Protein backbone atom coordinates (compact mmCIF):
# COMPACT_ATOMS: atom_id res chain seq x y z
CA UNK A 1 88.68 149.23 73.10
CA UNK A 2 86.30 146.72 74.28
CA UNK A 3 88.67 144.13 75.25
CA UNK A 4 90.99 146.75 77.04
CA UNK A 5 88.17 148.04 79.06
CA UNK A 6 86.85 144.60 79.87
CA UNK A 7 90.31 143.46 81.03
CA UNK A 8 91.17 146.90 82.63
CA UNK A 9 88.18 146.63 85.08
CA UNK A 10 88.74 142.66 85.26
CA UNK A 11 92.24 143.82 86.83
CA UNK A 12 90.59 146.03 89.19
CA UNK A 13 88.25 143.69 90.74
CA UNK A 14 90.64 141.07 90.91
CA UNK A 15 93.52 142.91 92.39
CA UNK A 16 91.58 145.02 94.81
CA UNK A 17 89.72 141.85 96.63
CA UNK A 18 92.49 139.38 95.78
CA UNK A 19 95.65 140.44 94.63
CA UNK A 20 96.66 142.90 96.82
CA UNK A 21 95.92 140.76 99.85
CA UNK A 22 98.08 138.49 98.32
CA UNK A 23 101.18 140.38 97.57
CA UNK A 24 100.85 141.46 101.37
CA UNK A 25 101.04 137.88 102.09
CA UNK A 26 104.09 137.14 100.46
CA UNK A 27 105.84 140.48 101.28
CA UNK A 28 105.38 139.98 104.72
CA UNK A 29 106.55 136.60 104.91
CA UNK A 30 109.67 137.51 102.95
CA UNK A 31 110.32 140.70 104.98
CA UNK A 32 109.74 140.92 108.75
CA UNK A 33 108.74 138.70 111.27
CA UNK A 34 105.99 139.83 114.15
CA UNK A 35 107.52 142.45 116.27
CA UNK A 36 107.83 141.97 119.76
CA UNK A 37 106.98 144.86 122.38
CA UNK A 38 107.85 145.16 125.89
CA UNK A 39 105.30 145.05 128.55
CA UNK A 40 103.38 148.58 128.80
CA UNK A 41 100.78 149.80 131.07
CA UNK A 42 100.22 153.71 130.28
CA UNK A 43 97.25 155.61 131.36
CA UNK A 44 94.41 155.59 129.47
CA UNK A 45 91.28 157.76 128.23
CA UNK A 46 88.46 155.58 126.87
CA UNK A 47 86.47 158.19 125.01
CA UNK A 48 83.02 157.06 124.07
CA UNK A 49 81.10 159.26 121.77
CA UNK A 50 77.50 158.61 122.43
CA UNK A 51 74.91 160.57 120.52
CA UNK A 52 71.31 159.44 121.75
CA UNK A 53 72.38 155.87 122.71
CA UNK A 54 69.86 155.27 125.96
CA UNK A 55 69.47 151.87 124.62
CA UNK A 56 72.96 151.09 124.43
CA UNK A 57 75.26 153.07 126.86
CA UNK A 58 74.38 151.22 130.46
CA UNK A 59 75.51 148.23 128.85
CA UNK A 60 78.79 149.92 127.42
CA UNK A 61 79.68 151.58 130.79
CA UNK A 62 79.06 148.13 132.54
CA UNK A 63 81.37 146.88 130.07
CA UNK A 64 84.00 149.19 130.44
CA UNK A 65 84.20 149.36 134.10
CA UNK A 66 84.77 145.73 134.07
CA UNK A 67 87.67 145.67 131.77
CA UNK A 68 90.84 144.36 133.14
CA UNK A 69 92.94 147.14 133.39
CA UNK A 70 94.29 149.27 136.90
CA UNK A 71 90.96 151.58 137.73
CA UNK A 72 93.70 154.44 138.52
CA UNK A 73 95.10 154.27 135.26
CA UNK A 74 91.63 154.39 133.14
CA UNK A 75 89.71 157.67 132.42
CA UNK A 76 86.03 156.78 131.43
CA UNK A 77 84.86 159.98 129.54
CA UNK A 78 81.32 160.05 127.75
CA UNK A 79 81.00 163.04 125.34
CA UNK A 80 77.37 163.18 124.49
CA UNK A 81 76.79 166.40 122.75
CA UNK A 82 73.34 167.07 121.58
CA UNK A 83 71.68 164.20 122.68
CA UNK A 84 67.99 164.43 123.15
CA UNK A 85 67.27 161.54 125.01
CA UNK A 86 68.09 160.17 128.20
CA UNK A 87 71.83 159.18 127.61
CA UNK A 88 73.06 162.04 129.59
CA UNK A 89 70.94 161.20 132.85
CA UNK A 90 71.91 157.79 132.45
CA UNK A 91 75.68 158.64 132.34
CA UNK A 92 75.38 160.76 135.46
CA UNK A 93 74.13 157.73 137.27
CA UNK A 94 77.69 156.51 137.16
CA UNK A 95 79.06 159.26 138.41
CA UNK A 96 79.94 157.87 141.81
CA UNK A 97 81.92 154.89 140.15
CA UNK A 98 84.08 157.73 138.53
CA UNK A 99 82.54 157.90 134.97
CA UNK A 100 82.61 161.23 133.47
CA UNK A 101 80.17 163.29 131.38
CA UNK A 102 80.96 165.85 128.53
CA UNK A 103 77.95 166.99 127.38
CA UNK A 104 76.25 170.45 125.83
CA UNK A 105 72.79 170.58 124.32
CA UNK A 106 74.01 171.93 121.07
CA UNK A 107 74.78 169.13 118.41
CA UNK A 108 77.97 170.01 116.27
CA UNK A 109 78.77 166.77 114.82
CA UNK A 110 81.00 163.95 116.35
CA UNK A 111 84.66 165.58 115.56
CA UNK A 112 83.54 168.36 117.48
CA UNK A 113 82.28 166.65 120.37
CA UNK A 114 85.66 164.79 120.17
CA UNK A 115 87.61 168.02 120.08
CA UNK A 116 85.73 169.51 123.36
CA UNK A 117 86.23 166.17 124.91
CA UNK A 118 89.88 165.67 124.49
CA UNK A 119 90.65 169.16 126.71
CA UNK A 120 89.28 166.61 129.50
CA UNK A 121 91.40 163.64 128.74
CA UNK A 122 94.42 162.98 131.04
CA UNK A 123 95.50 159.64 129.75
CA UNK A 124 98.75 159.23 127.80
CA UNK A 125 96.63 156.95 125.30
CA UNK A 126 93.33 158.06 124.16
CA UNK A 127 91.05 155.05 122.78
CA UNK A 128 88.38 156.16 120.76
CA UNK A 129 85.13 154.23 121.18
CA UNK A 130 81.37 154.11 120.33
CA UNK A 131 78.38 153.40 122.52
CA UNK A 132 77.11 150.32 120.71
CA UNK A 133 80.24 148.20 120.99
CA UNK A 134 81.76 146.45 123.81
CA UNK A 135 85.25 144.90 124.48
CA UNK A 136 86.52 141.72 125.81
CA UNK A 137 88.27 142.14 129.30
CA UNK A 138 91.74 142.11 127.98
CA UNK A 139 91.15 144.35 125.14
CA UNK A 140 93.07 147.46 126.86
CA UNK A 141 96.13 145.97 127.92
CA UNK A 142 96.49 143.97 124.53
CA UNK A 143 96.02 147.11 122.79
CA UNK A 144 98.34 149.58 124.66
CA UNK A 145 101.55 147.36 124.46
CA UNK A 146 102.90 148.56 120.88
CA UNK A 147 102.98 152.19 122.36
CA UNK A 148 106.00 150.83 124.28
CA UNK A 149 107.71 151.53 120.77
CA UNK A 150 108.05 155.08 120.50
CA UNK A 151 107.60 154.96 116.77
CA UNK A 152 104.08 153.57 116.93
CA UNK A 153 101.27 156.55 116.96
CA UNK A 154 98.32 154.68 116.92
CA UNK A 155 96.59 151.03 117.30
CA UNK A 156 93.70 149.46 116.25
CA UNK A 157 91.84 146.62 117.48
CA UNK A 158 89.84 144.18 115.78
CA UNK A 159 86.09 144.40 114.87
CA UNK A 160 83.75 141.09 115.08
CA UNK A 161 80.31 141.09 114.69
CA UNK A 162 78.14 139.02 116.72
CA UNK A 163 76.36 136.13 114.92
CA UNK A 164 72.82 136.35 114.83
CA UNK A 165 69.77 135.27 112.49
CA UNK A 166 70.34 138.20 110.19
CA UNK A 167 72.11 137.11 107.20
CA UNK A 168 73.57 140.34 106.97
CA UNK A 169 75.95 139.50 109.92
CA UNK A 170 77.08 136.58 108.58
CA UNK A 171 78.38 138.13 105.55
CA UNK A 172 79.54 141.13 107.26
CA UNK A 173 81.47 139.14 109.82
CA UNK A 174 83.24 137.34 106.79
CA UNK A 175 84.18 140.97 105.53
CA UNK A 176 85.68 141.77 108.91
CA UNK A 177 87.90 138.44 109.09
CA UNK A 178 88.83 139.83 105.43
CA UNK A 179 89.82 143.16 106.85
CA UNK A 180 91.81 141.76 109.35
CA UNK A 181 93.81 139.30 107.17
CA UNK A 182 94.84 142.60 105.54
CA UNK A 183 95.39 144.56 108.57
CA UNK A 184 97.72 141.87 109.81
CA UNK A 185 99.79 141.56 106.94
CA UNK A 186 100.21 145.37 106.36
CA UNK A 187 101.60 145.57 110.04
CA UNK A 188 104.10 142.99 109.34
CA UNK A 189 105.46 145.21 106.68
CA UNK A 190 105.92 147.67 109.45
CA UNK A 191 102.11 149.48 109.34
CA UNK A 192 98.79 149.20 108.65
CA UNK A 193 96.47 151.82 106.70
CA UNK A 194 93.14 151.18 107.86
CA UNK A 195 91.62 151.42 111.41
CA UNK A 196 88.20 150.92 113.44
CA UNK A 197 87.24 153.79 114.69
CA UNK A 198 85.27 152.09 117.56
CA UNK A 199 88.72 150.82 118.84
CA UNK A 200 91.25 152.96 117.80
CA UNK A 201 94.07 154.41 120.10
CA UNK A 202 96.31 157.11 119.60
CA UNK A 203 98.95 158.73 121.93
CA UNK A 204 97.35 162.02 123.20
CA UNK A 205 100.23 164.19 122.48
CA UNK A 206 99.50 163.12 118.59
CA UNK A 207 96.05 164.23 118.35
CA UNK A 208 95.12 166.76 115.65
CA UNK A 209 91.69 168.28 115.54
CA UNK A 210 90.57 167.70 112.09
CA UNK A 211 88.11 170.00 110.04
CA UNK A 212 84.70 169.84 111.35
CA UNK A 213 83.22 168.58 108.13
CA UNK A 214 85.47 165.64 107.85
CA UNK A 215 83.08 162.57 107.69
CA UNK A 216 85.56 159.77 108.42
CA UNK A 217 87.24 161.27 111.45
CA UNK A 218 89.29 157.70 112.22
CA UNK A 219 90.77 157.50 108.49
CA UNK A 220 91.78 161.11 109.07
CA UNK A 221 93.39 160.95 112.19
CA UNK A 222 95.44 157.57 110.96
CA UNK A 223 95.98 159.01 107.94
CA UNK A 224 98.16 161.96 109.42
CA UNK A 225 99.92 159.97 112.00
CA UNK A 226 101.25 157.91 108.88
CA UNK A 227 102.09 161.31 107.09
CA UNK A 228 104.03 162.33 110.18
CA UNK A 229 106.17 159.23 109.82
CA UNK A 230 104.49 157.25 112.96
CA UNK A 231 103.42 153.55 112.68
CA UNK A 232 99.99 151.98 112.84
CA UNK A 233 99.67 148.79 114.36
CA UNK A 234 96.91 146.25 114.25
CA UNK A 235 96.31 143.92 117.14
CA UNK A 236 93.90 141.30 116.87
CA UNK A 237 93.87 140.21 120.28
CA UNK A 238 91.90 143.43 121.21
CA UNK A 239 88.67 142.61 119.89
CA UNK A 240 85.49 144.80 120.14
CA UNK A 241 82.15 143.19 119.19
CA UNK A 242 78.99 144.83 118.02
CA UNK A 243 75.93 143.65 116.22
CA UNK A 244 75.31 144.39 112.53
CA UNK A 245 72.49 146.94 110.98
CA UNK A 246 69.02 146.40 111.66
CA UNK A 247 68.57 145.58 107.86
CA UNK A 248 70.01 146.22 104.48
CA UNK A 249 68.97 149.63 103.93
CA UNK A 250 70.20 150.42 107.14
CA UNK A 251 73.48 149.02 106.21
CA UNK A 252 73.67 150.91 102.88
CA UNK A 253 72.69 154.19 104.50
CA UNK A 254 75.83 153.21 106.69
CA UNK A 255 78.40 152.39 103.94
CA UNK A 256 76.82 155.27 101.37
CA UNK A 257 78.50 157.79 104.27
CA UNK A 258 81.14 155.93 104.73
CA UNK A 259 82.25 155.92 101.12
CA UNK A 260 81.21 159.52 100.71
CA UNK A 261 84.00 160.38 103.35
CA UNK A 262 86.45 158.19 101.35
CA UNK A 263 85.66 160.49 98.25
CA UNK A 264 85.92 163.53 100.28
CA UNK A 265 89.20 162.49 101.80
CA UNK A 266 90.89 162.53 97.91
CA UNK A 267 90.21 166.38 98.17
CA UNK A 268 92.76 166.38 100.95
CA UNK A 269 95.02 164.20 99.14
CA UNK A 270 97.87 166.46 99.58
CA UNK A 271 97.50 167.46 103.10
CA UNK A 272 96.77 163.81 104.82
CA UNK A 273 97.85 161.01 102.40
CA UNK A 274 101.56 159.95 103.40
CA UNK A 275 103.35 161.02 99.87
CA UNK A 276 106.83 160.61 101.13
CA UNK A 277 106.39 157.13 102.26
CA UNK A 278 106.30 155.05 98.68
CA UNK A 279 105.21 151.84 100.53
CA UNK A 280 102.73 153.28 102.37
CA UNK A 281 101.05 155.08 99.41
CA UNK A 282 101.13 151.90 97.74
CA UNK A 283 99.19 150.12 100.73
CA UNK A 284 96.56 153.23 100.75
CA UNK A 285 96.01 153.33 97.46
CA UNK A 286 95.34 149.60 97.19
CA UNK A 287 93.73 149.04 100.29
CA UNK A 288 91.50 152.04 100.31
CA UNK A 289 91.49 153.94 97.20
CA UNK A 290 90.96 150.98 94.54
CA UNK A 291 87.86 149.89 96.55
CA UNK A 292 86.57 153.48 95.21
CA UNK A 293 86.71 152.25 91.71
CA UNK A 294 85.04 148.65 92.21
CA UNK A 295 81.57 149.84 91.20
CA UNK A 296 82.77 151.20 88.43
CA UNK A 297 84.93 148.66 87.00
CA UNK A 298 82.04 146.04 87.96
CA UNK A 299 79.26 148.32 85.57
CA UNK A 300 82.36 148.44 82.91
CA UNK A 301 82.65 144.85 83.08
CA UNK A 302 79.37 144.16 82.53
CA UNK A 303 78.45 146.36 80.04
CA UNK A 304 81.63 145.82 78.12
CA UNK A 305 81.16 141.81 78.02
CA UNK A 306 77.64 142.31 76.49
CA UNK A 307 79.11 144.28 73.89
CA UNK A 308 81.32 141.52 73.55
CA UNK A 309 78.26 139.35 72.82
CA UNK A 310 76.84 141.51 69.69
CA UNK A 311 77.96 139.63 66.17
CA UNK A 312 80.46 141.55 64.46
CA UNK A 313 82.18 143.37 67.66
CA UNK A 314 84.00 140.71 68.70
CA UNK A 315 85.12 138.06 66.18
CA UNK A 316 87.92 135.68 65.18
CA UNK A 317 89.39 132.38 66.59
CA UNK A 318 88.02 131.26 70.03
CA UNK A 319 90.29 133.31 72.57
CA UNK A 320 89.59 134.65 76.01
CA UNK A 321 92.16 137.53 76.01
CA UNK A 322 90.26 138.50 73.12
CA UNK A 323 86.97 137.88 74.54
CA UNK A 324 85.73 135.64 71.60
CA UNK A 325 83.10 132.98 71.33
CA UNK A 326 82.37 130.81 73.51
CA UNK A 327 84.37 132.77 76.37
CA UNK A 328 82.44 135.81 75.88
CA UNK A 329 79.23 133.86 76.79
CA UNK A 330 80.87 131.88 79.57
CA UNK A 331 81.87 134.74 81.24
CA UNK A 332 78.72 136.74 80.68
CA UNK A 333 76.96 133.85 82.06
CA UNK A 334 79.16 133.99 85.20
CA UNK A 335 78.53 137.62 85.99
CA UNK A 336 75.08 137.39 85.41
CA UNK A 337 74.93 134.61 87.51
CA UNK A 338 76.62 136.26 90.13
CA UNK A 339 74.19 139.35 90.19
CA UNK A 340 71.11 137.07 89.93
CA UNK A 341 72.37 135.62 93.27
CA UNK A 342 72.66 139.27 94.84
CA UNK A 343 68.51 140.06 93.70
CA UNK A 344 67.68 136.88 95.07
CA UNK A 345 69.28 137.79 98.26
CA UNK A 346 67.92 140.98 98.14
CA UNK A 347 64.41 139.94 97.94
CA UNK A 348 64.20 136.71 99.98
CA UNK A 349 63.59 136.33 103.39
CA UNK A 350 65.21 133.78 105.92
CA UNK A 351 68.38 132.39 106.18
CA UNK A 352 70.35 131.68 103.06
CA UNK A 353 73.58 129.75 102.55
CA UNK A 354 76.77 131.68 101.65
CA UNK A 355 76.29 130.95 97.61
CA UNK A 356 73.78 133.84 98.33
CA UNK A 357 74.50 136.43 100.79
CA UNK A 358 78.10 136.71 99.49
CA UNK A 359 77.23 138.19 96.24
CA UNK A 360 74.37 140.05 98.13
CA UNK A 361 76.93 141.76 100.24
CA UNK A 362 79.27 142.56 97.73
CA UNK A 363 76.72 143.91 95.31
CA UNK A 364 75.08 145.67 98.45
CA UNK A 365 78.42 147.57 99.34
CA UNK A 366 79.59 148.87 96.15
CA UNK A 367 75.66 150.09 95.23
CA UNK A 368 76.67 152.09 98.80
CA UNK A 369 79.79 153.09 97.53
CA UNK A 370 78.43 154.52 94.19
CA UNK A 371 75.77 156.28 96.01
CA UNK A 372 78.51 157.50 98.55
CA UNK A 373 80.10 158.82 95.20
CA UNK A 374 76.67 160.85 94.15
CA UNK A 375 76.12 162.02 97.26
CA UNK A 376 79.96 163.78 97.19
CA UNK A 377 79.69 165.05 93.69
CA UNK A 378 76.35 166.73 94.84
CA UNK A 379 78.30 168.04 97.85
CA UNK A 380 75.39 166.58 100.04
CA UNK A 381 78.08 165.11 102.72
CA UNK A 382 77.64 166.31 106.03
CA UNK A 383 79.92 165.43 109.48
CA UNK A 384 76.22 164.80 111.24
CA UNK A 385 75.94 161.27 111.44
CA UNK A 386 72.41 160.00 109.88
CA UNK A 387 71.89 157.36 112.70
CA UNK A 388 70.48 154.15 111.78
CA UNK A 389 69.25 151.16 113.74
CA UNK A 390 71.15 148.27 114.86
CA UNK A 391 70.18 144.76 115.10
CA UNK A 392 69.78 143.87 119.05
CA UNK A 393 67.77 141.78 121.07
CA UNK A 394 68.30 143.53 124.02
CA UNK A 395 70.00 140.69 125.70
CA UNK A 396 73.17 141.25 127.16
CA UNK A 397 76.10 140.68 124.84
CA UNK A 398 78.68 138.31 126.28
CA UNK A 399 82.58 138.82 124.76
């Protein structure tokens, strides 16, 4: 049983991180070429959710007004419900430039704010965005082209992390490149199963209000589109840029909440998952659900490997499959080195190489996932975001 649970855990880890992306790549090459779309230029509502974003909102609006898209077809709508700083006041100074504000003093959560703002949206396409990310000039044109296909219900762009002195940015940047690869391959199969909430567009006519207590609103909206038979397309040419969290602690807080939202989504399995579409279900389970198993798989792999070192519990001829000597010690040493590097990465200051920051990022991500699980089972999840500080030097970001 020790050996069985060890290899089951290793399978979950390897399949999630490497096996699934590899299968996607092979299936994508065998099944479908990249689809070509017709030129398309619909009206767009750029819906910016901003809660206490006085440090970022001016830069966001300047960036939005300079996007390469016909102004008569672009509505810029900021929803700033509950903001207690100068966010709403700053947005009002852009009124002469046709920026619209949707504001009420009460804070009821992001979903409630978006639901209220959707009543004022006029665009055929609604692009959900945050206040602390910026777009490249041609992002809107790239993002809306797939909507020329009536089977496409949603389109997600690419999230990029701006490089700075923060080593967290290096590892998170690699993570989003990895995510981009997966979404490209999923799209080649017909539809992707993951979206980036700060650059996610849907047809306004297809918008469905989500339950107010839902944490991951972008995931909920995406799953509902897939469940109704619409495709979601990933467009890497539509690029969004933002800085990483200010510290590892802030990043863990952010990821803990996201993962609590993923566990929460399992509660609505029958209501939101695309159960009638086996391929999409395989994608969702492999891409999203299996990742929730990773912290448990890592714990079990380490503990069972440790038990295999106990004299008498693992005996026989040398065999890696049976985890006998010397393979039990070799694998345990590799695992121990991996976790040691993550400890070094967490306690060291300054810029480290990839040998350190990648294990640190992976371990911290799974710690956050486990904490999200604990938050979920305690029933502490809430629709109100705990705002975390973003690394920023106050300079204009050029993209």
